[in-house]
Amino acid sequence: MVININAISFSPVAHDIESGDDDDWVVSTRTADVDDRVIGIFVGYLSRVINKEDTGKVTVGHFSNSSGDEDVRDETQERLNRLRELELDDEDSSNYREFEEVADSLKNRLISHMDGRTSRGYLFIIQAINNDEPFIGILKLDVVQSEERPILDRDTRRLEYEEIEDAFPPTEELQKGCTYPIFDPIDQDNVFNLDGDVKFLQEDADSDYFEEFMGCVTSSGSREQSQTILEGLSGIKQDRSDSVLNPGEVQEARTTIQGSDGIADGEIVHDAAEQALGEEYNEEEVDAMLHEEGESEVQIDPNNTTKYVVYNLDGIEVKVKMSDVSEDRVTVQEPEYENGEYIITVRGDSLDQDFRG
């Protein structure tokens, strides 16, 4: 993967910034010099978004979904497409000024979605190329207002303090970023399979406002989505029969999802629900669960599904790998009578003991 950055714009963003304020500005690489080492760090930010697997803090945005504000959605996608088309090799060109104007409109849109709970930061709009394909990267970074770090003075061999102000996060701690469009990072060990338009990464915390300002409907990463769906199916069974999904039912649902040809969609999830719930399966009830959990747009990469199941027995948690459940290395036998004993059987060849805390 080879990323080249053509242009960057940056501006302050906070819920209380209004037109005409001192913080109401946009600066770009047309007028501001940016050190090559800084460019390298921003290449690292973009690479992290592109390469991140669809687990944890990754979500996928869809402009083509029929729900949501259609006018805003179309307008945002048009802006992003226009940014990708701009020729920015001439710093004095009108194209560069258009880049700044679009960046300013995106800044104002993001501010309109922020409130008093969201932290101040800076918005970066980046036009870049990845392996000859143009794309747009958008980052919202918070800064460390003031931080003291110990440094070693090589000349005096003394440990001293160095005060850093307005520092951006390290690459591995990227707070909020997205790229448009989504594409394969061309890495056999880390292939992002989900379909969609915008790939979001929020390492600090999931924030709806950052996704909403793009005007697209989002779906969770595969692992998080499969976890939510399995928990929802277990909740349906518990409501019906006061018993959670047993290991065999969990594995049946997971096998159905993983056995799909390509991305598992809502139809595959219903097949999995029918396998797991049996006679207790109800199509409308499963649809209601998906809607309630915010997973109406189902897209699961079969290679990145839930890895563990956690059994909670009156406060005692037993965490088991799904593969161990499927191989019957760990089984949970429910009591035959009310207030009986659960029996957990673990099969293995050796036993180690570890004390922690």
Protein backbone atom coordinates (compact mmCIF):
# COMPACT_ATOMS: atom_id res chain seq x y z
CA MET A 1 0.00 0.00 0.00
CA VAL A 2 1.40 3.37 -1.06
CA ILE A 3 -0.41 6.49 0.13
CA ASN A 4 0.45 9.95 -1.20
CA ILE A 5 -1.23 13.04 0.28
CA ASN A 6 -2.01 15.84 -2.17
CA ALA A 7 -3.67 18.36 0.15
CA ILE A 8 -4.77 18.84 3.77
CA SER A 9 -7.13 21.38 5.29
CA PHE A 10 -7.56 21.86 9.03
CA SER A 11 -9.81 23.89 11.29
CA PRO A 12 -10.99 24.01 14.93
CA VAL A 13 -14.30 22.30 15.72
CA ALA A 14 -16.43 22.64 18.85
CA HIS A 15 -20.12 22.98 19.57
CA ASP A 16 -19.83 26.65 20.57
CA ILE A 17 -17.92 27.96 17.53
CA GLU A 18 -20.05 30.41 15.56
CA SER A 19 -19.54 32.26 12.31
CA GLY A 20 -17.13 35.16 12.78
CA ASP A 21 -15.51 33.78 15.95
CA ASP A 22 -11.74 33.75 16.32
CA ASP A 23 -11.88 29.97 15.92
CA ASP A 24 -13.95 30.17 12.73
CA TRP A 25 -11.20 29.50 10.21
CA VAL A 26 -9.89 26.96 7.72
CA VAL A 27 -6.23 26.69 6.73
CA SER A 28 -4.80 24.36 4.12
CA THR A 29 -1.49 23.29 2.66
CA ARG A 30 -2.03 25.93 -0.03
CA THR A 31 -0.90 28.63 2.38
CA ALA A 32 0.53 26.72 5.36
CA ASP A 33 3.80 24.79 5.19
CA VAL A 34 3.56 21.26 6.56
CA ASP A 35 6.71 19.38 7.51
CA ASP A 36 7.31 16.13 5.64
CA ARG A 37 7.51 14.30 8.97
CA VAL A 38 4.03 15.57 9.82
CA ILE A 39 2.78 14.40 6.43
CA GLY A 40 4.22 10.99 7.31
CA ILE A 41 2.20 10.91 10.54
CA PHE A 42 -1.01 11.72 8.66
CA VAL A 43 -0.20 8.96 6.17
CA GLY A 44 -0.02 6.73 9.24
CA TYR A 45 -3.45 7.90 10.43
CA LEU A 46 -5.00 7.12 7.04
CA SER A 47 -3.22 3.76 6.84
CA ARG A 48 -4.65 2.82 10.22
CA VAL A 49 -8.21 3.51 9.07
CA ILE A 50 -7.70 1.63 5.81
CA ASN A 51 -5.99 -1.40 7.34
CA LYS A 52 -8.14 -1.80 10.44
CA GLU A 53 -10.18 -4.98 10.33
CA ASP A 54 -13.95 -4.71 10.74
CA THR A 55 -13.88 -5.42 14.44
CA GLY A 56 -14.22 -3.33 17.57
CA LYS A 57 -14.32 0.34 16.74
CA VAL A 58 -14.97 0.04 13.00
CA THR A 59 -18.33 0.86 11.40
CA VAL A 60 -19.43 1.08 7.78
CA GLY A 61 -21.50 3.91 6.30
CA HIS A 62 -23.97 3.62 3.42
CA PHE A 63 -25.10 6.56 1.30
CA SER A 64 -27.47 4.41 -0.77
CA ASN A 65 -29.72 3.33 2.11
CA SER A 66 -33.32 4.46 1.67
CA SER A 67 -33.63 5.73 5.25
CA GLY A 68 -32.26 8.97 6.64
CA ASP A 69 -32.15 12.48 5.21
CA GLU A 70 -31.82 11.86 1.46
CA ASP A 71 -30.94 15.46 0.54
CA VAL A 72 -28.13 15.67 3.10
CA ARG A 73 -26.84 12.23 2.13
CA ASP A 74 -26.68 13.05 -1.57
CA GLU A 75 -25.09 16.44 -0.90
CA THR A 76 -22.34 14.94 1.26
CA GLN A 77 -21.50 12.24 -1.27
CA GLU A 78 -21.42 14.83 -4.07
CA ARG A 79 -18.97 16.94 -2.05
CA LEU A 80 -16.71 13.97 -1.44
CA ASN A 81 -16.79 12.95 -5.09
CA ARG A 82 -15.94 16.50 -6.11
CA LEU A 83 -12.99 16.56 -3.71
CA ARG A 84 -11.65 13.35 -5.24
CA GLU A 85 -11.81 14.87 -8.74
CA LEU A 86 -9.92 18.08 -7.96
CA GLU A 87 -6.43 18.54 -9.44
CA LEU A 88 -4.39 20.02 -6.63
CA ASP A 89 -0.88 20.07 -8.06
CA ASP A 90 -1.06 23.84 -8.60
CA GLU A 91 -1.30 25.61 -5.24
CA ASP A 92 -2.67 28.81 -6.78
CA SER A 93 -5.40 27.14 -8.80
CA SER A 94 -9.11 27.66 -8.33
CA ASN A 95 -9.35 23.94 -7.60
CA TYR A 96 -7.43 24.45 -4.39
CA ARG A 97 -9.77 27.23 -3.30
CA GLU A 98 -12.74 24.97 -4.02
CA PHE A 99 -11.09 22.33 -1.85
CA GLU A 100 -10.96 24.85 1.02
CA GLU A 101 -14.58 25.91 0.46
CA VAL A 102 -15.84 22.32 0.63
CA ALA A 103 -13.68 21.73 3.71
CA ASP A 104 -15.26 24.79 5.33
CA SER A 105 -18.77 23.48 4.59
CA LEU A 106 -17.88 20.09 6.14
CA LYS A 107 -16.45 21.86 9.18
CA ASN A 108 -19.70 23.79 9.70
CA ARG A 109 -21.72 20.61 9.26
CA LEU A 110 -19.67 18.75 11.88
CA ILE A 111 -19.99 21.65 14.35
CA SER A 112 -23.78 21.57 13.92
CA HIS A 113 -23.77 17.94 15.11
CA MET A 114 -21.59 18.57 18.18
CA ASP A 115 -22.94 19.45 21.60
CA GLY A 116 -21.56 20.31 25.04
CA ARG A 117 -20.54 16.71 25.69
CA THR A 118 -18.27 16.48 22.68
CA SER A 119 -14.67 17.54 23.07
CA ARG A 120 -13.05 20.36 21.15
CA GLY A 121 -10.60 19.36 18.49
CA TYR A 122 -9.49 19.88 14.91
CA LEU A 123 -11.04 18.62 11.70
CA PHE A 124 -8.72 17.52 8.90
CA ILE A 125 -9.92 17.00 5.33
CA ILE A 126 -7.34 15.13 3.26
CA GLN A 127 -7.19 14.43 -0.45
CA ALA A 128 -4.90 11.46 -1.04
CA ILE A 129 -4.10 8.60 -3.41
CA ASN A 130 -3.77 4.96 -2.44
CA ASN A 131 -2.17 2.80 -5.12
CA ASP A 132 -3.32 5.21 -7.87
CA GLU A 133 -6.89 5.43 -6.51
CA PRO A 134 -7.95 8.85 -5.18
CA PHE A 135 -9.78 8.94 -1.86
CA ILE A 136 -10.81 11.36 0.87
CA GLY A 137 -9.76 11.00 4.49
CA ILE A 138 -11.49 12.87 7.30
CA LEU A 139 -10.01 13.02 10.81
CA LYS A 140 -11.30 14.61 13.99
CA LEU A 141 -8.38 14.84 16.42
CA ASP A 142 -8.35 16.10 19.98
CA VAL A 143 -5.20 17.67 21.37
CA VAL A 144 -3.34 17.44 24.64
CA GLN A 145 -3.63 21.00 25.95
CA SER A 146 -0.53 20.72 28.11
CA GLU A 147 1.53 17.69 28.95
CA GLU A 148 4.94 17.24 30.57
CA ARG A 149 7.09 14.36 29.45
CA PRO A 150 10.46 13.26 30.83
CA ILE A 151 13.31 13.50 28.35
CA LEU A 152 17.00 12.58 28.54
CA ASP A 153 19.45 15.36 27.70
CA ARG A 154 22.28 13.52 25.96
CA ASP A 155 24.82 16.29 26.55
CA THR A 156 24.24 16.69 30.29
CA ARG A 157 22.96 13.13 30.85
CA ARG A 158 20.18 14.58 32.97
CA LEU A 159 16.52 13.70 33.03
CA GLU A 160 14.43 16.80 32.46
CA TYR A 161 10.86 17.78 31.71
CA GLU A 162 9.70 18.94 28.33
CA GLU A 163 6.29 20.61 28.14
CA ILE A 164 4.20 19.81 25.09
CA GLU A 165 1.14 21.78 24.09
CA ASP A 166 -1.51 21.03 21.47
CA ALA A 167 -0.05 17.63 20.63
CA PHE A 168 -2.01 15.22 18.45
CA PRO A 169 -2.37 11.54 19.37
CA PRO A 170 0.05 8.81 18.29
CA THR A 171 -0.98 6.85 15.21
CA GLU A 172 -2.16 3.84 17.23
CA GLU A 173 -4.41 6.10 19.31
CA LEU A 174 -6.21 7.74 16.40
CA GLN A 175 -9.45 9.12 17.82
CA LYS A 176 -11.90 9.53 14.95
CA GLY A 177 -11.37 9.02 11.26
CA CYS A 178 -13.05 7.85 8.09
CA THR A 179 -12.18 7.22 4.46
CA TYR A 180 -14.23 7.44 1.29
CA PRO A 181 -14.52 5.19 -0.59
CA ILE A 182 -13.90 1.83 1.07
CA PHE A 183 -11.36 -0.34 -0.67
CA ASP A 184 -9.35 -3.48 -0.12
CA PRO A 185 -6.00 -2.66 1.54
CA ILE A 186 -4.42 -5.35 -0.68
CA ASP A 187 -3.03 -7.31 2.24
CA GLN A 188 -3.75 -11.03 2.31
CA ASP A 189 -3.44 -11.10 6.08
CA ASN A 190 -5.82 -8.19 6.65
CA VAL A 191 -8.56 -7.90 4.03
CA PHE A 192 -11.53 -5.64 4.72
CA ASN A 193 -14.49 -7.37 3.13
CA LEU A 194 -17.55 -5.31 4.05
CA ASP A 195 -19.46 -3.40 1.41
CA GLY A 196 -20.32 0.24 1.85
CA ASP A 197 -19.26 3.80 1.09
CA VAL A 198 -17.47 5.16 4.17
CA LYS A 199 -15.25 3.30 6.62
CA PHE A 200 -15.27 4.78 10.14
CA LEU A 201 -12.74 4.16 12.90
CA GLN A 202 -13.30 5.59 16.38
CA GLU A 203 -10.59 4.38 18.75
CA ASP A 204 -11.60 6.64 21.64
CA ALA A 205 -15.35 6.04 21.87
CA ASP A 206 -18.28 5.40 19.56
CA SER A 207 -19.90 8.77 18.88
CA ASP A 208 -23.01 8.99 16.76
CA TYR A 209 -22.41 12.63 15.88
CA PHE A 210 -19.28 11.86 13.85
CA GLU A 211 -21.12 9.32 11.72
CA GLU A 212 -24.28 11.41 11.45
CA PHE A 213 -22.45 14.46 10.13
CA MET A 214 -21.49 12.39 7.08
CA GLY A 215 -25.21 11.84 6.36
CA CYS A 216 -25.03 8.08 5.94
CA VAL A 217 -26.58 5.11 7.71
CA THR A 218 -24.02 2.97 9.54
CA SER A 219 -23.68 -0.66 10.53
CA SER A 220 -21.33 -2.05 13.18
CA GLY A 221 -18.18 -4.01 12.57
CA SER A 222 -18.62 -7.74 11.98
CA ARG A 223 -17.49 -8.96 15.37
CA GLU A 224 -19.54 -6.42 17.29
CA GLN A 225 -22.57 -7.01 15.09
CA SER A 226 -22.43 -10.81 15.41
CA GLN A 227 -22.04 -10.45 19.18
CA THR A 228 -25.06 -8.15 19.41
CA ILE A 229 -27.16 -10.49 17.26
CA LEU A 230 -26.25 -13.61 19.26
CA GLU A 231 -27.03 -11.79 22.51
CA GLY A 232 -30.34 -10.64 21.03
CA LEU A 233 -31.29 -14.19 19.98
CA SER A 234 -30.37 -15.47 23.42
CA GLY A 235 -32.54 -12.75 24.93
CA ILE A 236 -35.49 -13.84 22.78
CA LYS A 237 -35.13 -17.41 24.00
CA GLN A 238 -34.79 -16.27 27.61
CA ASP A 239 -38.00 -14.24 27.34
CA ARG A 240 -39.82 -17.24 25.91
CA SER A 241 -38.49 -20.09 28.04
CA ASP A 242 -36.41 -18.47 30.82
CA SER A 243 -33.30 -20.16 29.43
CA VAL A 244 -30.44 -18.73 27.36
CA LEU A 245 -29.11 -20.31 24.17
CA ASN A 246 -27.22 -23.47 25.02
CA PRO A 247 -23.74 -24.09 23.51
CA GLY A 248 -25.14 -26.22 20.69
CA GLU A 249 -27.66 -23.55 19.67
CA VAL A 250 -25.02 -20.84 19.78
CA GLN A 251 -22.76 -22.90 17.58
CA GLU A 252 -25.58 -23.64 15.11
CA ALA A 253 -26.25 -19.92 14.70
CA ARG A 254 -22.56 -19.10 14.33
CA THR A 255 -22.00 -21.93 11.83
CA THR A 256 -24.88 -20.63 9.69
CA ILE A 257 -23.40 -17.12 9.65
CA GLN A 258 -19.87 -18.34 8.92
CA GLY A 259 -21.10 -20.68 6.22
CA SER A 260 -22.55 -17.88 4.11
CA ASP A 261 -21.12 -17.27 0.67
CA GLY A 262 -19.71 -13.77 1.00
CA ILE A 263 -21.11 -11.19 3.42
CA ALA A 264 -23.83 -12.46 5.76
CA ASP A 265 -26.91 -10.25 5.44
CA GLY A 266 -30.29 -10.09 7.16
CA GLU A 267 -31.58 -13.17 5.37
CA ILE A 268 -28.65 -15.23 6.67
CA VAL A 269 -29.26 -13.90 10.19
CA HIS A 270 -32.88 -15.09 9.99
CA ASP A 271 -31.64 -18.51 8.90
CA ALA A 272 -29.29 -18.54 11.89
CA ALA A 273 -32.10 -17.43 14.21
CA GLU A 274 -34.34 -20.22 12.96
CA GLN A 275 -31.55 -22.76 13.52
CA ALA A 276 -30.89 -21.52 17.05
CA LEU A 277 -34.45 -20.85 18.25
CA GLY A 278 -36.27 -23.72 16.56
CA GLU A 279 -39.97 -23.61 17.42
CA GLU A 280 -39.44 -20.35 19.28
CA TYR A 281 -38.34 -18.56 16.08
CA ASN A 282 -40.57 -15.72 14.97
CA GLU A 283 -39.54 -13.61 11.98
CA GLU A 284 -41.19 -10.40 13.18
CA GLU A 285 -39.71 -10.78 16.67
CA VAL A 286 -36.20 -11.17 15.23
CA ASP A 287 -36.74 -8.11 12.99
CA ALA A 288 -37.90 -6.12 16.04
CA MET A 289 -34.79 -7.21 17.95
CA LEU A 290 -32.49 -6.12 15.11
CA HIS A 291 -34.22 -2.74 14.89
CA GLU A 292 -34.06 -2.23 18.66
CA GLU A 293 -30.34 -3.08 18.72
CA GLY A 294 -29.65 -0.69 15.81
CA GLU A 295 -28.59 -3.53 13.52
CA SER A 296 -31.21 -3.27 10.77
CA GLU A 297 -28.39 -2.96 8.21
CA VAL A 298 -26.80 -6.40 8.68
CA GLN A 299 -23.38 -6.97 7.12
CA ILE A 300 -21.14 -9.58 8.75
CA ASP A 301 -17.83 -10.77 7.39
CA PRO A 302 -17.92 -14.53 8.12
CA ASN A 303 -14.17 -14.41 8.83
CA ASN A 304 -14.61 -11.86 11.63
CA THR A 305 -17.39 -13.14 13.89
CA THR A 306 -17.65 -13.46 17.67
CA LYS A 307 -14.72 -15.38 19.14
CA TYR A 308 -15.94 -16.03 22.68
CA VAL A 309 -19.09 -16.89 24.59
CA VAL A 310 -19.36 -15.86 28.24
CA TYR A 311 -21.60 -17.84 30.58
CA ASN A 312 -22.71 -16.00 33.70
CA LEU A 313 -23.78 -18.31 36.53
CA ASP A 314 -25.05 -16.08 39.34
CA GLY A 315 -22.11 -13.72 39.00
CA ILE A 316 -19.49 -16.35 38.15
CA GLU A 317 -18.34 -15.78 34.58
CA VAL A 318 -16.92 -18.53 32.39
CA LYS A 319 -15.36 -17.29 29.14
CA VAL A 320 -14.96 -19.92 26.44
CA LYS A 321 -13.60 -19.77 22.90
CA MET A 322 -16.24 -20.56 20.31
CA SER A 323 -13.90 -23.09 18.76
CA ASP A 324 -13.68 -24.95 22.07
CA VAL A 325 -17.48 -25.04 22.29
CA SER A 326 -17.77 -26.35 18.75
CA GLU A 327 -15.24 -29.11 19.49
CA ASP A 328 -17.04 -30.06 22.73
CA ARG A 329 -13.94 -29.26 24.77
CA VAL A 330 -16.19 -27.19 27.02
CA THR A 331 -19.82 -28.13 27.65
CA VAL A 332 -22.45 -26.62 29.92
CA GLN A 333 -25.10 -28.97 31.23
CA GLU A 334 -28.20 -27.24 32.55
CA PRO A 335 -29.93 -28.55 35.70
CA GLU A 336 -32.79 -30.95 35.25
CA TYR A 337 -34.76 -29.34 38.07
CA GLU A 338 -35.34 -25.79 39.31
CA ASN A 339 -32.55 -24.48 41.57
CA GLY A 340 -30.35 -27.38 40.49
CA GLU A 341 -26.67 -27.38 39.63
CA TYR A 342 -25.07 -26.42 36.33
CA ILE A 343 -22.25 -28.75 35.34
CA ILE A 344 -19.38 -27.31 33.29
CA THR A 345 -17.10 -29.92 31.79
CA VAL A 346 -13.66 -28.98 30.47
CA ARG A 347 -11.70 -31.56 28.49
CA GLY A 348 -7.94 -31.24 28.13
CA ASP A 349 -4.59 -32.97 28.57
CA SER A 350 -2.96 -30.74 31.20
CA LEU A 351 -3.82 -28.34 34.01
CA ASP A 352 -1.90 -25.19 34.92
CA GLN A 353 -2.58 -22.95 37.89
CA ASP A 354 -2.27 -19.17 37.88
CA PHE A 355 -2.93 -16.53 40.56
CA ARG A 356 -3.61 -12.95 39.56
CA GLY A 357 -4.49 -9.69 41.19
